[in-house]
Amino acid sequence: MAVTPEEVADAMYEMVKEYQGKKKFKAGDLTKAMIQKFGQEECDKRLCKAAIRTLMDSGRCVYTYFGGSFIEMPPSEGDAER
């Protein structure tokens, strides 16, 4: 049974949410983690790229830049950037 981009996006979201504030993920880190989780037969780079696009388009995650591009949860209302 093939994995859909939405299923991969949900798994990525849960991973980013779990480590929020503890670790920042690059797109490649999430791709490697999903290939390991679902297996190379079910999940590839193209599928992960589509899943990341789904996360960005839905607003569930955002790209941040601090010496490199990272995928994180969007700042919540009232968070002060200092």
PDB file of N, CA and C in Angstrom:
ATOM      1  N   MET A   1       0.845  -1.178   0.000  1.00  0.00           N
ATOM      2  CA  MET A   1       0.000   0.000   0.000  1.00  0.00           C
ATOM      3  C   MET A   1       0.895   1.248   0.000  1.00  0.00           C
ATOM      4  N   ALA A   2       0.703   2.105  -0.951  1.00  0.00           N
ATOM      5  CA  ALA A   2       1.520   3.309  -1.097  1.00  0.00           C
ATOM      6  C   ALA A   2       1.134   4.356  -0.054  1.00  0.00           C
ATOM      7  N   VAL A   3       2.139   5.068   0.400  1.00  0.00           N
ATOM      8  CA  VAL A   3       1.943   6.145   1.365  1.00  0.00           C
ATOM      9  C   VAL A   3       1.626   7.417   0.585  1.00  0.00           C
ATOM     10  N   THR A   4       0.666   8.200   1.072  1.00  0.00           N
ATOM     11  CA  THR A   4       0.293   9.436   0.394  1.00  0.00           C
ATOM     12  C   THR A   4       1.108  10.612   0.947  1.00  0.00           C
ATOM     13  N   PRO A   5       1.220  11.689   0.178  1.00  0.00           N
ATOM     14  CA  PRO A   5       1.917  12.877   0.688  1.00  0.00           C
ATOM     15  C   PRO A   5       1.281  13.421   1.975  1.00  0.00           C
ATOM     16  N   GLU A   6      -0.028  13.279   2.108  1.00  0.00           N
ATOM     17  CA  GLU A   6      -0.715  13.761   3.299  1.00  0.00           C
ATOM     18  C   GLU A   6      -0.305  12.963   4.535  1.00  0.00           C
ATOM     19  N   GLU A   7      -0.147  11.641   4.378  1.00  0.00           N
ATOM     20  CA  GLU A   7       0.287  10.803   5.495  1.00  0.00           C
ATOM     21  C   GLU A   7       1.713  11.156   5.916  1.00  0.00           C
ATOM     22  N   VAL A   8       2.579  11.392   4.944  1.00  0.00           N
ATOM     23  CA  VAL A   8       3.966  11.778   5.234  1.00  0.00           C
ATOM     24  C   VAL A   8       3.978  13.158   5.881  1.00  0.00           C
ATOM     25  N   ALA A   9       3.154  14.081   5.372  1.00  0.00           N
ATOM     26  CA  ALA A   9       3.067  15.419   5.952  1.00  0.00           C
ATOM     27  C   ALA A   9       2.612  15.354   7.405  1.00  0.00           C
ATOM     28  N   ASP A  10       1.633  14.507   7.703  1.00  0.00           N
ATOM     29  CA  ASP A  10       1.160  14.356   9.080  1.00  0.00           C
ATOM     30  C   ASP A  10       2.272  13.836   9.987  1.00  0.00           C
ATOM     31  N   ALA A  11       3.038  12.865   9.507  1.00  0.00           N
ATOM     32  CA  ALA A  11       4.149  12.306  10.289  1.00  0.00           C
ATOM     33  C   ALA A  11       5.238  13.362  10.504  1.00  0.00           C
ATOM     34  N   MET A  12       5.521  14.141   9.470  1.00  0.00           N
ATOM     35  CA  MET A  12       6.510  15.225   9.599  1.00  0.00           C
ATOM     36  C   MET A  12       6.034  16.257  10.612  1.00  0.00           C
ATOM     37  N   TYR A  13       4.779  16.623  10.520  1.00  0.00           N
ATOM     38  CA  TYR A  13       4.210  17.610  11.434  1.00  0.00           C
ATOM     39  C   TYR A  13       4.333  17.142  12.881  1.00  0.00           C
ATOM     40  N   GLU A  14       3.998  15.893  13.133  1.00  0.00           N
ATOM     41  CA  GLU A  14       4.087  15.346  14.490  1.00  0.00           C
ATOM     42  C   GLU A  14       5.523  15.375  14.995  1.00  0.00           C
ATOM     43  N   MET A  15       6.469  15.100  14.117  1.00  0.00           N
ATOM     44  CA  MET A  15       7.881  15.110  14.496  1.00  0.00           C
ATOM     45  C   MET A  15       8.340  16.529  14.831  1.00  0.00           C
ATOM     46  N   VAL A  16       7.977  17.494  14.000  1.00  0.00           N
ATOM     47  CA  VAL A  16       8.342  18.891  14.246  1.00  0.00           C
ATOM     48  C   VAL A  16       7.687  19.385  15.531  1.00  0.00           C
ATOM     49  N   LYS A  17       6.429  19.019  15.724  1.00  0.00           N
ATOM     50  CA  LYS A  17       5.687  19.435  16.914  1.00  0.00           C
ATOM     51  C   LYS A  17       6.312  18.847  18.182  1.00  0.00           C
ATOM     52  N   GLU A  18       6.695  17.588  18.123  1.00  0.00           N
ATOM     53  CA  GLU A  18       7.282  16.904  19.280  1.00  0.00           C
ATOM     54  C   GLU A  18       8.583  17.564  19.736  1.00  0.00           C
ATOM     55  N   TYR A  19       9.393  18.007  18.783  1.00  0.00           N
ATOM     56  CA  TYR A  19      10.701  18.573  19.105  1.00  0.00           C
ATOM     57  C   TYR A  19      10.717  20.105  19.086  1.00  0.00           C
ATOM     58  N   GLN A  20       9.558  20.726  19.056  1.00  0.00           N
ATOM     59  CA  GLN A  20       9.481  22.183  19.009  1.00  0.00           C
ATOM     60  C   GLN A  20      10.229  22.792  20.199  1.00  0.00           C
ATOM     61  N   GLY A  21      11.132  23.738  19.896  1.00  0.00           N
ATOM     62  CA  GLY A  21      11.913  24.386  20.929  1.00  0.00           C
ATOM     63  C   GLY A  21      13.143  23.613  21.355  1.00  0.00           C
ATOM     64  N   LYS A  22      13.242  22.343  20.936  1.00  0.00           N
ATOM     65  CA  LYS A  22      14.379  21.507  21.311  1.00  0.00           C
ATOM     66  C   LYS A  22      15.328  21.283  20.144  1.00  0.00           C
ATOM     67  N   LYS A  23      14.755  21.149  18.956  1.00  0.00           N
ATOM     68  CA  LYS A  23      15.549  20.846  17.783  1.00  0.00           C
ATOM     69  C   LYS A  23      14.909  21.465  16.564  1.00  0.00           C
ATOM     70  N   LYS A  24      15.745  21.940  15.648  1.00  0.00           N
ATOM     71  CA  LYS A  24      15.255  22.479  14.387  1.00  0.00           C
ATOM     72  C   LYS A  24      15.586  21.468  13.301  1.00  0.00           C
ATOM     73  N   PHE A  25      14.661  21.264  12.384  1.00  0.00           N
ATOM     74  CA  PHE A  25      14.847  20.289  11.317  1.00  0.00           C
ATOM     75  C   PHE A  25      15.046  20.971   9.973  1.00  0.00           C
ATOM     76  N   LYS A  26      16.017  20.499   9.228  1.00  0.00           N
ATOM     77  CA  LYS A  26      16.164  20.900   7.837  1.00  0.00           C
ATOM     78  C   LYS A  26      15.291  19.954   7.015  1.00  0.00           C
ATOM     79  N   ALA A  27      14.988  20.362   5.791  1.00  0.00           N
ATOM     80  CA  ALA A  27      14.153  19.519   4.921  1.00  0.00           C
ATOM     81  C   ALA A  27      14.794  18.143   4.735  1.00  0.00           C
ATOM     82  N   GLY A  28      16.102  18.104   4.572  1.00  0.00           N
ATOM     83  CA  GLY A  28      16.806  16.826   4.392  1.00  0.00           C
ATOM     84  C   GLY A  28      16.709  15.922   5.609  1.00  0.00           C
ATOM     85  N   ASP A  29      16.716  16.525   6.804  1.00  0.00           N
ATOM     86  CA  ASP A  29      16.575  15.739   8.034  1.00  0.00           C
ATOM     87  C   ASP A  29      15.216  15.054   8.080  1.00  0.00           C
ATOM     88  N   LEU A  30      14.172  15.809   7.744  1.00  0.00           N
ATOM     89  CA  LEU A  30      12.819  15.239   7.754  1.00  0.00           C
ATOM     90  C   LEU A  30      12.668  14.171   6.673  1.00  0.00           C
ATOM     91  N   THR A  31      13.263  14.420   5.511  1.00  0.00           N
ATOM     92  CA  THR A  31      13.189  13.446   4.416  1.00  0.00           C
ATOM     93  C   THR A  31      13.831  12.132   4.837  1.00  0.00           C
ATOM     94  N   LYS A  32      15.015  12.201   5.408  1.00  0.00           N
ATOM     95  CA  LYS A  32      15.707  10.977   5.859  1.00  0.00           C
ATOM     96  C   LYS A  32      14.895  10.246   6.922  1.00  0.00           C
ATOM     97  N   ALA A  33      14.314  10.992   7.850  1.00  0.00           N
ATOM     98  CA  ALA A  33      13.523  10.380   8.917  1.00  0.00           C
ATOM     99  C   ALA A  33      12.283   9.675   8.361  1.00  0.00           C
ATOM    100  N   MET A  34      11.642  10.278   7.358  1.00  0.00           N
ATOM    101  CA  MET A  34      10.433   9.672   6.793  1.00  0.00           C
ATOM    102  C   MET A  34      10.770   8.437   5.948  1.00  0.00           C
ATOM    103  N   ILE A  35      11.885   8.496   5.225  1.00  0.00           N
ATOM    104  CA  ILE A  35      12.299   7.318   4.455  1.00  0.00           C
ATOM    105  C   ILE A  35      12.620   6.174   5.405  1.00  0.00           C
ATOM    106  N   GLN A  36      13.241   6.493   6.527  1.00  0.00           N
ATOM    107  CA  GLN A  36      13.539   5.467   7.525  1.00  0.00           C
ATOM    108  C   GLN A  36      12.258   4.933   8.154  1.00  0.00           C
ATOM    109  N   LYS A  37      11.312   5.816   8.432  1.00  0.00           N
ATOM    110  CA  LYS A  37      10.054   5.407   9.076  1.00  0.00           C
ATOM    111  C   LYS A  37       9.193   4.541   8.155  1.00  0.00           C
ATOM    112  N   PHE A  38       9.010   4.996   6.896  1.00  0.00           N
ATOM    113  CA  PHE A  38       8.100   4.305   5.985  1.00  0.00           C
ATOM    114  C   PHE A  38       8.798   3.282   5.097  1.00  0.00           C
ATOM    115  N   GLY A  39      10.121   3.369   4.980  1.00  0.00           N
ATOM    116  CA  GLY A  39      10.867   2.444   4.122  1.00  0.00           C
ATOM    117  C   GLY A  39      11.061   3.018   2.725  1.00  0.00           C
ATOM    118  N   GLN A  40      12.167   2.654   2.104  1.00  0.00           N
ATOM    119  CA  GLN A  40      12.498   3.179   0.779  1.00  0.00           C
ATOM    120  C   GLN A  40      11.504   2.742  -0.292  1.00  0.00           C
ATOM    121  N   GLU A  41      10.841   1.617  -0.081  1.00  0.00           N
ATOM    122  CA  GLU A  41       9.878   1.133  -1.070  1.00  0.00           C
ATOM    123  C   GLU A  41       8.618   1.996  -1.086  1.00  0.00           C
ATOM    124  N   GLU A  42       8.272   2.565   0.073  1.00  0.00           N
ATOM    125  CA  GLU A  42       7.031   3.331   0.211  1.00  0.00           C
ATOM    126  C   GLU A  42       7.231   4.840   0.099  1.00  0.00           C
ATOM    127  N   CYS A  43       8.423   5.330   0.444  1.00  0.00           N
ATOM    128  CA  CYS A  43       8.648   6.764   0.575  1.00  0.00           C
ATOM    129  C   CYS A  43       9.965   7.146  -0.101  1.00  0.00           C
ATOM    130  N   ASP A  44       9.925   8.183  -0.934  1.00  0.00           N
ATOM    131  CA  ASP A  44      11.148   8.664  -1.585  1.00  0.00           C
ATOM    132  C   ASP A  44      11.232  10.185  -1.464  1.00  0.00           C
ATOM    133  N   LYS A  45      12.306  10.753  -2.001  1.00  0.00           N
ATOM    134  CA  LYS A  45      12.529  12.195  -1.887  1.00  0.00           C
ATOM    135  C   LYS A  45      11.413  13.004  -2.535  1.00  0.00           C
ATOM    136  N   ARG A  46      10.908  12.537  -3.663  1.00  0.00           N
ATOM    137  CA  ARG A  46       9.838  13.254  -4.360  1.00  0.00           C
ATOM    138  C   ARG A  46       8.571  13.317  -3.504  1.00  0.00           C
ATOM    139  N   LEU A  47       8.239  12.211  -2.862  1.00  0.00           N
ATOM    140  CA  LEU A  47       7.067  12.165  -1.987  1.00  0.00           C
ATOM    141  C   LEU A  47       7.257  13.092  -0.778  1.00  0.00           C
ATOM    142  N   CYS A  48       8.461  13.103  -0.225  1.00  0.00           N
ATOM    143  CA  CYS A  48       8.749  13.973   0.922  1.00  0.00           C
ATOM    144  C   CYS A  48       8.687  15.444   0.527  1.00  0.00           C
ATOM    145  N   LYS A  49       9.153  15.750  -0.667  1.00  0.00           N
ATOM    146  CA  LYS A  49       9.089  17.135  -1.149  1.00  0.00           C
ATOM    147  C   LYS A  49       7.631  17.574  -1.275  1.00  0.00           C
ATOM    148  N   ALA A  50       6.779  16.705  -1.779  1.00  0.00           N
ATOM    149  CA  ALA A  50       5.348  17.005  -1.889  1.00  0.00           C
ATOM    150  C   ALA A  50       4.729  17.178  -0.501  1.00  0.00           C
ATOM    151  N   ALA A  51       5.170  16.359   0.455  1.00  0.00           N
ATOM    152  CA  ALA A  51       4.647  16.454   1.818  1.00  0.00           C
ATOM    153  C   ALA A  51       5.055  17.777   2.464  1.00  0.00           C
ATOM    154  N   ILE A  52       6.303  18.200   2.241  1.00  0.00           N
ATOM    155  CA  ILE A  52       6.758  19.477   2.788  1.00  0.00           C
ATOM    156  C   ILE A  52       5.966  20.625   2.169  1.00  0.00           C
ATOM    157  N   ARG A  53       5.714  20.540   0.873  1.00  0.00           N
ATOM    158  CA  ARG A  53       4.908  21.568   0.198  1.00  0.00           C
ATOM    159  C   ARG A  53       3.511  21.613   0.819  1.00  0.00           C
ATOM    160  N   THR A  54       2.934  20.459   1.121  1.00  0.00           N
ATOM    161  CA  THR A  54       1.620  20.387   1.758  1.00  0.00           C
ATOM    162  C   THR A  54       1.645  21.091   3.121  1.00  0.00           C
ATOM    163  N   LEU A  55       2.705  20.848   3.909  1.00  0.00           N
ATOM    164  CA  LEU A  55       2.831  21.495   5.220  1.00  0.00           C
ATOM    165  C   LEU A  55       2.928  23.007   5.088  1.00  0.00           C
ATOM    166  N   MET A  56       3.703  23.472   4.124  1.00  0.00           N
ATOM    167  CA  MET A  56       3.890  24.914   3.944  1.00  0.00           C
ATOM    168  C   MET A  56       2.612  25.582   3.436  1.00  0.00           C
ATOM    169  N   ASP A  57       1.973  24.959   2.456  1.00  0.00           N
ATOM    170  CA  ASP A  57       0.756  25.526   1.880  1.00  0.00           C
ATOM    171  C   ASP A  57      -0.384  25.582   2.883  1.00  0.00           C
ATOM    172  N   SER A  58      -0.442  24.605   3.792  1.00  0.00           N
ATOM    173  CA  SER A  58      -1.513  24.575   4.786  1.00  0.00           C
ATOM    174  C   SER A  58      -1.238  25.524   5.952  1.00  0.00           C
ATOM    175  N   GLY A  59       0.010  25.973   6.086  1.00  0.00           N
ATOM    176  CA  GLY A  59       0.374  26.863   7.185  1.00  0.00           C
ATOM    177  C   GLY A  59       0.676  26.138   8.484  1.00  0.00           C
ATOM    178  N   ARG A  60       0.702  24.809   8.444  1.00  0.00           N
ATOM    179  CA  ARG A  60       1.000  24.056   9.670  1.00  0.00           C
ATOM    180  C   ARG A  60       2.465  24.188  10.061  1.00  0.00           C
ATOM    181  N   CYS A  61       3.336  24.409   9.095  1.00  0.00           N
ATOM    182  CA  CYS A  61       4.759  24.637   9.348  1.00  0.00           C
ATOM    183  C   CYS A  61       5.224  25.799   8.479  1.00  0.00           C
ATOM    184  N   VAL A  62       6.342  26.391   8.879  1.00  0.00           N
ATOM    185  CA  VAL A  62       6.913  27.501   8.123  1.00  0.00           C
ATOM    186  C   VAL A  62       8.422  27.280   7.995  1.00  0.00           C
ATOM    187  N   TYR A  63       8.988  27.905   6.966  1.00  0.00           N
ATOM    188  CA  TYR A  63      10.440  27.928   6.841  1.00  0.00           C
ATOM    189  C   TYR A  63      10.965  29.077   7.682  1.00  0.00           C
ATOM    190  N   THR A  64      12.046  28.830   8.406  1.00  0.00           N
ATOM    191  CA  THR A  64      12.755  29.892   9.108  1.00  0.00           C
ATOM    192  C   THR A  64      14.191  29.859   8.625  1.00  0.00           C
ATOM    193  N   TYR A  65      14.883  30.965   8.797  1.00  0.00           N
ATOM    194  CA  TYR A  65      16.269  31.021   8.363  1.00  0.00           C
ATOM    195  C   TYR A  65      17.120  31.598   9.482  1.00  0.00           C
ATOM    196  N   PHE A  66      18.108  30.831   9.911  1.00  0.00           N
ATOM    197  CA  PHE A  66      19.078  31.288  10.891  1.00  0.00           C
ATOM    198  C   PHE A  66      20.375  30.554  10.603  1.00  0.00           C
ATOM    199  N   GLY A  67      21.099  31.038   9.593  1.00  0.00           N
ATOM    200  CA  GLY A  67      22.317  30.360   9.175  1.00  0.00           C
ATOM    201  C   GLY A  67      22.037  29.134   8.327  1.00  0.00           C
ATOM    202  N   GLY A  68      20.794  28.901   8.006  1.00  0.00           N
ATOM    203  CA  GLY A  68      20.338  27.772   7.200  1.00  0.00           C
ATOM    204  C   GLY A  68      18.822  27.744   7.234  1.00  0.00           C
ATOM    205  N   SER A  69      18.213  27.047   6.310  1.00  0.00           N
ATOM    206  CA  SER A  69      16.746  26.965   6.257  1.00  0.00           C
ATOM    207  C   SER A  69      16.263  25.818   7.134  1.00  0.00           C
ATOM    208  N   PHE A  70      15.294  26.106   7.970  1.00  0.00           N
ATOM    209  CA  PHE A  70      14.726  25.116   8.869  1.00  0.00           C
ATOM    210  C   PHE A  70      13.214  25.098   8.738  1.00  0.00           C
ATOM    211  N   ILE A  71      12.625  23.960   9.061  1.00  0.00           N
ATOM    212  CA  ILE A  71      11.169  23.811   9.060  1.00  0.00           C
ATOM    213  C   ILE A  71      10.727  23.767  10.516  1.00  0.00           C
ATOM    214  N   GLU A  72       9.839  24.697  10.876  1.00  0.00           N
ATOM    215  CA  GLU A  72       9.392  24.800  12.265  1.00  0.00           C
ATOM    216  C   GLU A  72       7.896  25.064  12.318  1.00  0.00           C
ATOM    217  N   MET A  73       7.374  25.015  13.539  1.00  0.00           N
ATOM    218  CA  MET A  73       5.985  25.389  13.775  1.00  0.00           C
ATOM    219  C   MET A  73       5.903  26.906  13.629  1.00  0.00           C
ATOM    220  N   PRO A  74       4.801  27.417  13.115  1.00  0.00           N
ATOM    221  CA  PRO A  74       4.677  28.879  13.032  1.00  0.00           C
ATOM    222  C   PRO A  74       4.592  29.476  14.429  1.00  0.00           C
ATOM    223  N   PRO A  75       5.094  30.698  14.605  1.00  0.00           N
ATOM    224  CA  PRO A  75       4.997  31.320  15.935  1.00  0.00           C
ATOM    225  C   PRO A  75       3.533  31.502  16.306  1.00  0.00           C
ATOM    226  N   SER A  76       3.225  31.247  17.552  1.00  0.00           N
ATOM    227  CA  SER A  76       1.840  31.414  17.988  1.00  0.00           C
ATOM    228  C   SER A  76       1.583  32.867  18.330  1.00  0.00           C
ATOM    229  N   GLU A  77       0.345  33.228  18.359  1.00  0.00           N
ATOM    230  CA  GLU A  77      -0.079  34.602  18.634  1.00  0.00           C
ATOM    231  C   GLU A  77       0.462  35.038  19.996  1.00  0.00           C
ATOM    232  N   GLY A  78       1.114  36.189  20.040  1.00  0.00           N
ATOM    233  CA  GLY A  78       1.618  36.703  21.297  1.00  0.00           C
ATOM    234  C   GLY A  78       3.066  36.347  21.585  1.00  0.00           C
ATOM    235  N   ASP A  79       3.687  35.494  20.758  1.00  0.00           N
ATOM    236  CA  ASP A  79       5.106  35.192  20.952  1.00  0.00           C
ATOM    237  C   ASP A  79       5.923  36.434  20.612  1.00  0.00           C
ATOM    238  N   ALA A  80       6.820  36.778  21.495  1.00  0.00           N
ATOM    239  CA  ALA A  80       7.672  37.959  21.263  1.00  0.00           C
ATOM    240  C   ALA A  80       8.984  37.514  20.625  1.00  0.00           C
ATOM    241  N   GLU A  81       9.320  38.135  19.520  1.00  0.00           N
ATOM    242  CA  GLU A  81      10.601  37.871  18.878  1.00  0.00           C
ATOM    243  C   GLU A  81      11.625  38.803  19.485  1.00  0.00           C
ATOM    244  N   ARG A  82      12.653  38.270  20.070  1.00  0.00           N
ATOM    245  CA  ARG A  82      13.674  39.114  20.704  1.00  0.00           C
ATOM    246  C   ARG A  82      15.008  38.856  20.124  1.00  0.00           C
TER     247      ARG A  82
END
